[in-house]
Amino acid sequence: MEAKKIFERGISFKDFVNMDSNSYRDKTLEIYNGVSFEEKNIERIKSIDKKINILICAEIWCPDCMINVPIVEKMRQINENIHISIVGKEGNEGFFKVFNSEENIVRIPTFVFYDKYFTQLGSFVERPTCIKEVYNSGNQPSVIVTMRKYKKGEYAEETLKEILKKIGY
C-alpha cells in the first residue's frame, strides 16, 4: 500500500511551514491567519464523522501551496477526524503524476483524499476549478483580477467546497 507508506513519511503543517524562515514562511502564515470559512461550511467540516487522511504533495516555495495547504490545516484544526501528511515533490513524482491530466508532470499542491483504510476518495490538484476556468478562458483582465484575489487567499472557500465535495461532505 504505497499511499500509506508515503503518508507515514510525511510531515505536519507546522514542520512544512518551518522549512523556510523567511518570505515563503511569512506568506504561508499570512494566508493561514487570514483563512476563514462561512459558518455553514464550518458545520460541514464538523460533520465529518469518519477518519479522512489527506496526503499532500507540496513545496513551501510554491504560491499555490502557500494558498491551499493552509486551508487543509484549518480543516484539520476544526475536526480531529482529518489527518494530513505533507511530502515533497522530489522522489514522489511517480506516485503523484497520475493525478494530473498532463503526462509525467506533478502539479503542486496535489491533495489525495483517503478513508481510514487508505481507499482513495478523490484528489485536488493545484487550484480550485473556478480559478482554472478563468485562467483558461484567455480573458486577460479577468485572469489578472482573479489571480490577484486568489493569491491573497480570497478563494479559500472555493477550495474548501471542492475538497468537501470530493470527500463526500
N, C-alpha and C. Protein backbone atom coordinates (compact mmCIF):
# COMPACT_ATOMS: atom_id res chain seq x y z
N MET A 1 0.85 -1.19 0.00
CA MET A 1 0.00 0.00 0.00
C MET A 1 0.89 1.24 0.00
N GLU A 2 1.25 1.68 -1.19
CA GLU A 2 2.20 2.77 -1.37
C GLU A 2 1.73 4.08 -0.72
N ALA A 3 0.46 4.41 -0.86
CA ALA A 3 -0.05 5.67 -0.32
C ALA A 3 0.16 5.75 1.18
N LYS A 4 -0.13 4.67 1.88
CA LYS A 4 0.02 4.67 3.33
C LYS A 4 1.49 4.86 3.73
N LYS A 5 2.39 4.22 3.01
CA LYS A 5 3.82 4.37 3.30
C LYS A 5 4.29 5.80 3.07
N ILE A 6 3.83 6.41 1.99
CA ILE A 6 4.20 7.80 1.72
C ILE A 6 3.60 8.70 2.80
N PHE A 7 2.34 8.45 3.17
CA PHE A 7 1.67 9.23 4.21
C PHE A 7 2.48 9.18 5.52
N GLU A 8 2.95 8.01 5.87
CA GLU A 8 3.71 7.84 7.12
C GLU A 8 5.05 8.57 7.11
N ARG A 9 5.59 8.84 5.94
CA ARG A 9 6.86 9.56 5.82
C ARG A 9 6.68 11.07 5.88
N GLY A 10 5.46 11.55 5.72
CA GLY A 10 5.20 12.97 5.61
C GLY A 10 5.36 13.74 6.91
N ILE A 11 5.22 15.05 6.78
CA ILE A 11 5.39 15.96 7.91
C ILE A 11 4.10 16.74 8.17
N SER A 12 4.06 17.40 9.30
CA SER A 12 2.91 18.21 9.69
C SER A 12 2.96 19.58 9.01
N PHE A 13 1.86 20.31 9.12
CA PHE A 13 1.80 21.67 8.59
C PHE A 13 2.86 22.54 9.27
N LYS A 14 2.98 22.41 10.58
CA LYS A 14 3.96 23.21 11.33
C LYS A 14 5.37 22.98 10.80
N ASP A 15 5.73 21.70 10.60
CA ASP A 15 7.06 21.39 10.07
C ASP A 15 7.22 21.89 8.63
N PHE A 16 6.15 21.79 7.86
CA PHE A 16 6.16 22.28 6.48
C PHE A 16 6.47 23.78 6.45
N VAL A 17 5.75 24.54 7.25
CA VAL A 17 5.94 25.99 7.29
C VAL A 17 7.35 26.33 7.77
N ASN A 18 7.85 25.57 8.71
CA ASN A 18 9.17 25.86 9.28
C ASN A 18 10.32 25.39 8.40
N MET A 19 10.01 24.87 7.21
CA MET A 19 11.07 24.51 6.26
C MET A 19 11.74 25.77 5.72
N ASP A 20 11.08 26.90 5.88
CA ASP A 20 11.62 28.18 5.43
C ASP A 20 11.56 29.13 6.61
N SER A 21 12.49 30.05 6.68
CA SER A 21 12.49 31.00 7.79
C SER A 21 12.25 32.44 7.32
N ASN A 22 11.92 32.59 6.04
CA ASN A 22 11.77 33.94 5.51
C ASN A 22 10.43 34.16 4.81
N SER A 23 10.48 34.67 3.60
CA SER A 23 9.27 35.15 2.92
C SER A 23 8.25 34.05 2.62
N TYR A 24 8.69 32.84 2.26
CA TYR A 24 7.72 31.78 1.96
C TYR A 24 6.94 31.41 3.22
N ARG A 25 7.65 31.31 4.31
CA ARG A 25 7.01 31.01 5.59
C ARG A 25 6.03 32.13 5.96
N ASP A 26 6.50 33.36 5.85
CA ASP A 26 5.66 34.51 6.20
C ASP A 26 4.40 34.58 5.36
N LYS A 27 4.52 34.35 4.06
CA LYS A 27 3.36 34.42 3.17
C LYS A 27 2.38 33.29 3.48
N THR A 28 2.90 32.09 3.72
CA THR A 28 2.04 30.96 4.06
C THR A 28 1.28 31.22 5.36
N LEU A 29 1.97 31.77 6.35
CA LEU A 29 1.31 32.08 7.62
C LEU A 29 0.33 33.24 7.48
N GLU A 30 0.64 34.18 6.62
CA GLU A 30 -0.29 35.29 6.36
C GLU A 30 -1.60 34.75 5.77
N ILE A 31 -1.48 33.86 4.80
CA ILE A 31 -2.66 33.23 4.20
C ILE A 31 -3.39 32.42 5.28
N TYR A 32 -2.66 31.61 6.01
CA TYR A 32 -3.25 30.77 7.07
C TYR A 32 -4.04 31.63 8.06
N ASN A 33 -3.44 32.70 8.52
CA ASN A 33 -4.10 33.56 9.51
C ASN A 33 -5.31 34.30 8.94
N GLY A 34 -5.34 34.46 7.63
CA GLY A 34 -6.46 35.15 7.00
C GLY A 34 -7.60 34.24 6.57
N VAL A 35 -7.38 32.92 6.63
CA VAL A 35 -8.40 31.98 6.19
C VAL A 35 -9.55 31.95 7.18
N SER A 36 -10.76 32.16 6.65
CA SER A 36 -11.96 31.98 7.46
C SER A 36 -13.02 31.36 6.56
N PHE A 37 -13.88 30.57 7.16
CA PHE A 37 -14.91 29.88 6.42
C PHE A 37 -16.28 30.34 6.87
N GLU A 38 -17.25 30.28 5.96
CA GLU A 38 -18.63 30.57 6.31
C GLU A 38 -19.10 29.53 7.33
N GLU A 39 -20.00 29.94 8.20
CA GLU A 39 -20.49 29.05 9.27
C GLU A 39 -21.05 27.75 8.73
N LYS A 40 -21.79 27.81 7.62
CA LYS A 40 -22.37 26.58 7.06
C LYS A 40 -21.28 25.59 6.63
N ASN A 41 -20.13 26.10 6.18
CA ASN A 41 -19.04 25.21 5.78
C ASN A 41 -18.26 24.71 6.99
N ILE A 42 -18.20 25.50 8.04
CA ILE A 42 -17.60 25.02 9.28
C ILE A 42 -18.42 23.84 9.81
N GLU A 43 -19.73 23.97 9.72
CA GLU A 43 -20.61 22.88 10.16
C GLU A 43 -20.41 21.64 9.30
N ARG A 44 -20.19 21.83 8.01
CA ARG A 44 -19.91 20.69 7.12
C ARG A 44 -18.61 20.00 7.53
N ILE A 45 -17.60 20.80 7.88
CA ILE A 45 -16.33 20.22 8.33
C ILE A 45 -16.55 19.45 9.63
N LYS A 46 -17.27 20.04 10.56
CA LYS A 46 -17.54 19.39 11.85
C LYS A 46 -18.34 18.10 11.69
N SER A 47 -19.12 18.01 10.62
CA SER A 47 -19.97 16.83 10.42
C SER A 47 -19.20 15.61 9.92
N ILE A 48 -17.94 15.77 9.57
CA ILE A 48 -17.15 14.64 9.10
C ILE A 48 -16.98 13.69 10.28
N ASP A 49 -17.60 12.52 10.14
CA ASP A 49 -17.67 11.59 11.27
C ASP A 49 -16.83 10.33 11.07
N LYS A 50 -15.93 10.37 10.10
CA LYS A 50 -15.01 9.25 9.90
C LYS A 50 -13.63 9.80 9.58
N LYS A 51 -12.65 8.97 9.78
CA LYS A 51 -11.26 9.39 9.55
C LYS A 51 -11.02 9.67 8.07
N ILE A 52 -10.45 10.84 7.80
CA ILE A 52 -10.05 11.24 6.45
C ILE A 52 -8.55 11.53 6.49
N ASN A 53 -7.80 10.81 5.67
CA ASN A 53 -6.36 11.03 5.55
C ASN A 53 -6.13 11.83 4.27
N ILE A 54 -5.40 12.93 4.40
CA ILE A 54 -5.10 13.76 3.24
C ILE A 54 -3.59 13.77 3.02
N LEU A 55 -3.18 13.13 1.94
CA LEU A 55 -1.77 13.08 1.55
C LEU A 55 -1.53 14.26 0.61
N ILE A 56 -0.58 15.10 0.98
CA ILE A 56 -0.33 16.34 0.25
C ILE A 56 1.08 16.34 -0.33
N CYS A 57 1.17 16.59 -1.62
CA CYS A 57 2.46 16.82 -2.26
C CYS A 57 2.58 18.33 -2.42
N ALA A 58 3.56 18.92 -1.76
CA ALA A 58 3.69 20.38 -1.76
C ALA A 58 5.13 20.80 -1.53
N GLU A 59 5.41 22.03 -1.91
CA GLU A 59 6.70 22.66 -1.65
C GLU A 59 6.43 24.05 -1.08
N ILE A 60 7.20 24.46 -0.11
CA ILE A 60 6.97 25.73 0.59
C ILE A 60 7.15 26.94 -0.33
N TRP A 61 7.93 26.83 -1.38
CA TRP A 61 8.18 27.94 -2.30
C TRP A 61 7.06 28.15 -3.32
N CYS A 62 6.13 27.22 -3.42
CA CYS A 62 5.09 27.25 -4.44
C CYS A 62 3.92 28.14 -4.03
N PRO A 63 3.57 29.15 -4.84
CA PRO A 63 2.45 30.03 -4.48
C PRO A 63 1.13 29.29 -4.26
N ASP A 64 0.81 28.31 -5.11
CA ASP A 64 -0.45 27.57 -4.92
C ASP A 64 -0.43 26.76 -3.62
N CYS A 65 0.74 26.29 -3.22
CA CYS A 65 0.86 25.57 -1.94
C CYS A 65 0.66 26.53 -0.77
N MET A 66 1.25 27.72 -0.88
CA MET A 66 1.10 28.73 0.19
C MET A 66 -0.37 29.10 0.38
N ILE A 67 -1.15 29.01 -0.70
CA ILE A 67 -2.55 29.39 -0.66
C ILE A 67 -3.44 28.24 -0.17
N ASN A 68 -3.23 27.04 -0.67
CA ASN A 68 -4.17 25.94 -0.44
C ASN A 68 -3.83 25.01 0.72
N VAL A 69 -2.56 24.82 1.03
CA VAL A 69 -2.22 23.95 2.16
C VAL A 69 -2.77 24.51 3.48
N PRO A 70 -2.72 25.82 3.73
CA PRO A 70 -3.32 26.35 4.97
C PRO A 70 -4.82 26.05 5.11
N ILE A 71 -5.52 25.93 4.01
CA ILE A 71 -6.95 25.62 4.06
C ILE A 71 -7.17 24.24 4.66
N VAL A 72 -6.36 23.29 4.24
CA VAL A 72 -6.48 21.92 4.76
C VAL A 72 -6.09 21.89 6.24
N GLU A 73 -5.09 22.67 6.61
CA GLU A 73 -4.70 22.72 8.02
C GLU A 73 -5.83 23.29 8.87
N LYS A 74 -6.51 24.32 8.39
CA LYS A 74 -7.66 24.87 9.12
C LYS A 74 -8.75 23.81 9.28
N MET A 75 -8.98 23.02 8.23
CA MET A 75 -9.96 21.93 8.31
C MET A 75 -9.55 20.94 9.41
N ARG A 76 -8.27 20.61 9.43
CA ARG A 76 -7.75 19.65 10.42
C ARG A 76 -7.97 20.17 11.83
N GLN A 77 -7.80 21.46 12.02
CA GLN A 77 -7.97 22.03 13.35
C GLN A 77 -9.44 22.05 13.78
N ILE A 78 -10.34 22.10 12.83
CA ILE A 78 -11.77 22.12 13.14
C ILE A 78 -12.28 20.71 13.47
N ASN A 79 -11.70 19.69 12.82
CA ASN A 79 -12.20 18.33 13.01
C ASN A 79 -11.03 17.36 13.17
N GLU A 80 -10.98 16.69 14.32
CA GLU A 80 -9.88 15.77 14.62
C GLU A 80 -9.92 14.49 13.78
N ASN A 81 -10.97 14.28 13.01
CA ASN A 81 -11.02 13.12 12.11
C ASN A 81 -10.19 13.35 10.85
N ILE A 82 -9.75 14.58 10.64
CA ILE A 82 -8.95 14.91 9.47
C ILE A 82 -7.47 14.84 9.85
N HIS A 83 -6.74 14.05 9.07
CA HIS A 83 -5.30 13.88 9.30
C HIS A 83 -4.57 14.25 8.02
N ILE A 84 -3.51 15.03 8.16
CA ILE A 84 -2.76 15.43 6.98
C ILE A 84 -1.30 15.00 7.09
N SER A 85 -0.71 14.80 5.94
CA SER A 85 0.70 14.45 5.84
C SER A 85 1.23 15.11 4.58
N ILE A 86 2.29 15.87 4.71
CA ILE A 86 2.85 16.63 3.59
C ILE A 86 4.20 16.04 3.18
N VAL A 87 4.34 15.77 1.89
CA VAL A 87 5.60 15.28 1.35
C VAL A 87 6.02 16.19 0.20
N GLY A 88 7.30 16.20 -0.06
CA GLY A 88 7.83 16.99 -1.17
C GLY A 88 7.64 16.30 -2.51
N LYS A 89 7.83 17.07 -3.54
CA LYS A 89 7.68 16.58 -4.91
C LYS A 89 8.80 15.60 -5.28
N GLU A 90 10.01 15.96 -4.89
CA GLU A 90 11.18 15.15 -5.26
C GLU A 90 11.10 13.75 -4.65
N GLY A 91 11.24 12.77 -5.50
CA GLY A 91 11.19 11.38 -5.06
C GLY A 91 9.78 10.80 -5.02
N ASN A 92 8.78 11.64 -5.20
CA ASN A 92 7.39 11.18 -5.17
C ASN A 92 6.66 11.40 -6.49
N GLU A 93 7.40 11.79 -7.52
CA GLU A 93 6.80 12.10 -8.82
C GLU A 93 6.02 10.91 -9.38
N GLY A 94 6.59 9.73 -9.27
CA GLY A 94 5.95 8.53 -9.82
C GLY A 94 4.58 8.29 -9.23
N PHE A 95 4.42 8.55 -7.95
CA PHE A 95 3.14 8.35 -7.29
C PHE A 95 2.14 9.44 -7.67
N PHE A 96 2.55 10.70 -7.64
CA PHE A 96 1.62 11.81 -7.80
C PHE A 96 1.29 12.18 -9.25
N LYS A 97 2.11 11.79 -10.21
CA LYS A 97 1.85 12.22 -11.59
C LYS A 97 0.54 11.68 -12.15
N VAL A 98 0.02 10.59 -11.61
CA VAL A 98 -1.23 10.02 -12.12
C VAL A 98 -2.44 10.90 -11.80
N PHE A 99 -2.28 11.86 -10.90
CA PHE A 99 -3.40 12.73 -10.52
C PHE A 99 -3.51 13.97 -11.40
N ASN A 100 -2.62 14.11 -12.36
CA ASN A 100 -2.64 15.24 -13.27
C ASN A 100 -2.93 14.76 -14.68
N SER A 101 -3.66 15.54 -15.42
CA SER A 101 -4.02 15.14 -16.78
C SER A 101 -2.85 15.24 -17.75
N GLU A 102 -1.83 16.00 -17.40
CA GLU A 102 -0.66 16.12 -18.26
C GLU A 102 0.34 15.04 -17.89
N GLU A 103 0.71 14.22 -18.86
CA GLU A 103 1.58 13.08 -18.62
C GLU A 103 2.94 13.50 -18.06
N ASN A 104 3.38 12.79 -17.06
CA ASN A 104 4.71 12.94 -16.45
C ASN A 104 4.96 14.29 -15.78
N ILE A 105 3.90 14.99 -15.39
CA ILE A 105 4.06 16.25 -14.68
C ILE A 105 3.32 16.16 -13.36
N VAL A 106 3.97 16.59 -12.29
CA VAL A 106 3.31 16.66 -11.00
C VAL A 106 3.04 18.13 -10.71
N ARG A 107 1.79 18.48 -10.62
CA ARG A 107 1.38 19.84 -10.26
C ARG A 107 1.23 19.88 -8.74
N ILE A 108 1.65 21.00 -8.17
CA ILE A 108 1.53 21.12 -6.71
C ILE A 108 0.74 22.37 -6.36
N PRO A 109 0.01 22.27 -5.26
CA PRO A 109 -0.13 21.08 -4.44
C PRO A 109 -1.06 20.06 -5.10
N THR A 110 -0.82 18.82 -4.76
CA THR A 110 -1.76 17.74 -5.07
C THR A 110 -2.19 17.17 -3.73
N PHE A 111 -3.50 17.15 -3.49
CA PHE A 111 -4.09 16.56 -2.29
C PHE A 111 -4.77 15.26 -2.74
N VAL A 112 -4.47 14.17 -2.06
CA VAL A 112 -5.16 12.91 -2.33
C VAL A 112 -5.88 12.52 -1.05
N PHE A 113 -7.18 12.28 -1.17
CA PHE A 113 -8.03 12.02 -0.01
C PHE A 113 -8.28 10.52 0.12
N TYR A 114 -8.12 10.01 1.35
CA TYR A 114 -8.30 8.59 1.64
C TYR A 114 -9.17 8.43 2.87
N ASP A 115 -9.84 7.27 2.94
CA ASP A 115 -10.53 6.93 4.17
C ASP A 115 -9.53 6.28 5.13
N LYS A 116 -10.01 5.74 6.24
CA LYS A 116 -9.10 5.18 7.25
C LYS A 116 -8.35 3.95 6.75
N TYR A 117 -8.86 3.30 5.71
CA TYR A 117 -8.20 2.11 5.14
C TYR A 117 -7.31 2.47 3.95
N PHE A 118 -7.19 3.74 3.68
CA PHE A 118 -6.43 4.27 2.55
C PHE A 118 -7.06 3.87 1.21
N THR A 119 -8.37 3.82 1.21
CA THR A 119 -9.12 3.71 -0.04
C THR A 119 -9.28 5.13 -0.55
N GLN A 120 -8.87 5.34 -1.78
CA GLN A 120 -8.89 6.70 -2.35
C GLN A 120 -10.32 7.21 -2.52
N LEU A 121 -10.53 8.47 -2.08
CA LEU A 121 -11.82 9.13 -2.20
C LEU A 121 -11.84 10.17 -3.32
N GLY A 122 -10.69 10.71 -3.64
CA GLY A 122 -10.62 11.74 -4.67
C GLY A 122 -9.31 12.49 -4.57
N SER A 123 -9.17 13.52 -5.39
CA SER A 123 -7.95 14.33 -5.37
C SER A 123 -8.27 15.77 -5.76
N PHE A 124 -7.36 16.63 -5.42
CA PHE A 124 -7.43 18.06 -5.74
C PHE A 124 -6.04 18.44 -6.24
N VAL A 125 -5.99 19.08 -7.41
CA VAL A 125 -4.69 19.41 -7.99
C VAL A 125 -4.57 20.92 -8.23
N GLU A 126 -3.60 21.50 -7.61
CA GLU A 126 -3.10 22.86 -7.83
C GLU A 126 -4.01 23.98 -7.34
N ARG A 127 -5.17 24.15 -7.94
CA ARG A 127 -6.06 25.26 -7.57
C ARG A 127 -7.50 24.86 -7.85
N PRO A 128 -8.45 25.58 -7.26
CA PRO A 128 -9.85 25.20 -7.48
C PRO A 128 -10.28 25.36 -8.94
N THR A 129 -11.27 24.58 -9.32
CA THR A 129 -11.76 24.56 -10.70
C THR A 129 -12.15 25.95 -11.20
N CYS A 130 -12.80 26.74 -10.36
CA CYS A 130 -13.24 28.07 -10.80
C CYS A 130 -12.05 28.94 -11.21
N ILE A 131 -10.93 28.80 -10.55
CA ILE A 131 -9.73 29.56 -10.91
C ILE A 131 -9.15 29.03 -12.22
N LYS A 132 -9.11 27.71 -12.38
CA LYS A 132 -8.61 27.12 -13.62
C LYS A 132 -9.46 27.58 -14.81
N GLU A 133 -10.77 27.64 -14.62
CA GLU A 133 -11.66 28.05 -15.71
C GLU A 133 -11.39 29.49 -16.14
N VAL A 134 -11.22 30.39 -15.19
CA VAL A 134 -10.92 31.79 -15.53
C VAL A 134 -9.56 31.86 -16.21
N TYR A 135 -8.59 31.17 -15.66
CA TYR A 135 -7.23 31.18 -16.20
C TYR A 135 -7.22 30.68 -17.65
N ASN A 136 -8.00 29.61 -17.90
CA ASN A 136 -8.05 29.01 -19.24
C ASN A 136 -8.95 29.77 -20.22
N SER A 137 -9.70 30.74 -19.72
CA SER A 137 -10.63 31.49 -20.57
C SER A 137 -9.90 32.40 -21.56
N GLY A 138 -8.71 32.83 -21.19
CA GLY A 138 -7.97 33.73 -22.05
C GLY A 138 -8.37 35.18 -21.91
N ASN A 139 -9.35 35.48 -21.08
CA ASN A 139 -9.79 36.85 -20.85
C ASN A 139 -8.81 37.50 -19.88
N GLN A 140 -7.82 38.18 -20.43
CA GLN A 140 -6.70 38.69 -19.64
C GLN A 140 -7.12 39.57 -18.46
N PRO A 141 -8.03 40.54 -18.63
CA PRO A 141 -8.43 41.33 -17.46
C PRO A 141 -9.03 40.48 -16.33
N SER A 142 -9.87 39.51 -16.70
CA SER A 142 -10.45 38.63 -15.69
C SER A 142 -9.38 37.78 -15.01
N VAL A 143 -8.44 37.29 -15.80
CA VAL A 143 -7.35 36.47 -15.25
C VAL A 143 -6.56 37.29 -14.23
N ILE A 144 -6.21 38.51 -14.58
CA ILE A 144 -5.40 39.36 -13.70
C ILE A 144 -6.14 39.62 -12.39
N VAL A 145 -7.39 40.03 -12.46
CA VAL A 145 -8.16 40.34 -11.25
C VAL A 145 -8.35 39.09 -10.40
N THR A 146 -8.74 37.98 -11.04
CA THR A 146 -8.99 36.74 -10.31
C THR A 146 -7.71 36.23 -9.65
N MET A 147 -6.60 36.24 -10.36
CA MET A 147 -5.35 35.73 -9.80
C MET A 147 -4.86 36.60 -8.65
N ARG A 148 -5.07 37.90 -8.72
CA ARG A 148 -4.69 38.78 -7.60
C ARG A 148 -5.47 38.39 -6.35
N LYS A 149 -6.77 38.21 -6.52
CA LYS A 149 -7.62 37.82 -5.37
C LYS A 149 -7.24 36.44 -4.87
N TYR A 150 -7.01 35.51 -5.78
CA TYR A 150 -6.64 34.14 -5.42
C TYR A 150 -5.34 34.12 -4.61
N LYS A 151 -4.36 34.89 -5.05
CA LYS A 151 -3.06 34.90 -4.36
C LYS A 151 -3.13 35.54 -2.97
N LYS A 152 -4.21 36.27 -2.71
CA LYS A 152 -4.42 36.83 -1.37
C LYS A 152 -5.20 35.85 -0.49
N GLY A 153 -5.63 34.72 -1.06
CA GLY A 153 -6.39 33.74 -0.30
C GLY A 153 -7.89 33.97 -0.33
N GLU A 154 -8.35 34.83 -1.23
CA GLU A 154 -9.77 35.18 -1.27
C GLU A 154 -10.67 34.09 -1.86
N TYR A 155 -10.08 33.03 -2.37
CA TYR A 155 -10.87 31.93 -2.91
C TYR A 155 -10.77 30.68 -2.03
N ALA A 156 -10.40 30.86 -0.77
CA ALA A 156 -10.27 29.73 0.17
C ALA A 156 -11.57 28.94 0.27
N GLU A 157 -12.67 29.64 0.27
CA GLU A 157 -13.98 28.99 0.39
C GLU A 157 -14.24 28.06 -0.80
N GLU A 158 -13.79 28.46 -1.98
CA GLU A 158 -13.96 27.62 -3.17
C GLU A 158 -13.13 26.34 -3.07
N THR A 159 -11.90 26.48 -2.60
CA THR A 159 -11.06 25.30 -2.38
C THR A 159 -11.73 24.38 -1.37
N LEU A 160 -12.19 24.95 -0.27
CA LEU A 160 -12.84 24.16 0.78
C LEU A 160 -14.05 23.40 0.23
N LYS A 161 -14.92 24.09 -0.48
CA LYS A 161 -16.13 23.44 -1.01
C LYS A 161 -15.79 22.30 -1.97
N GLU A 162 -14.75 22.51 -2.77
CA GLU A 162 -14.33 21.46 -3.70
C GLU A 162 -13.80 20.24 -2.94
N ILE A 163 -13.03 20.49 -1.90
CA ILE A 163 -12.50 19.38 -1.08
C ILE A 163 -13.64 18.64 -0.39
N LEU A 164 -14.56 19.37 0.20
CA LEU A 164 -15.68 18.73 0.91
C LEU A 164 -16.50 17.86 -0.05
N LYS A 165 -16.70 18.33 -1.24
CA LYS A 165 -17.44 17.54 -2.24
C LYS A 165 -16.70 16.26 -2.59
N LYS A 166 -15.39 16.37 -2.74
CA LYS A 166 -14.59 15.20 -3.12
C LYS A 166 -14.54 14.14 -2.02
N ILE A 167 -14.66 14.56 -0.77
CA ILE A 167 -14.64 13.57 0.32
C ILE A 167 -16.05 13.16 0.75
N GLY A 168 -17.05 13.70 0.06
CA GLY A 168 -18.43 13.27 0.31
C GLY A 168 -19.16 14.00 1.40
N TYR A 169 -18.76 15.24 1.69
CA TYR A 169 -19.45 16.03 2.70
C TYR A 169 -19.85 17.37 2.13
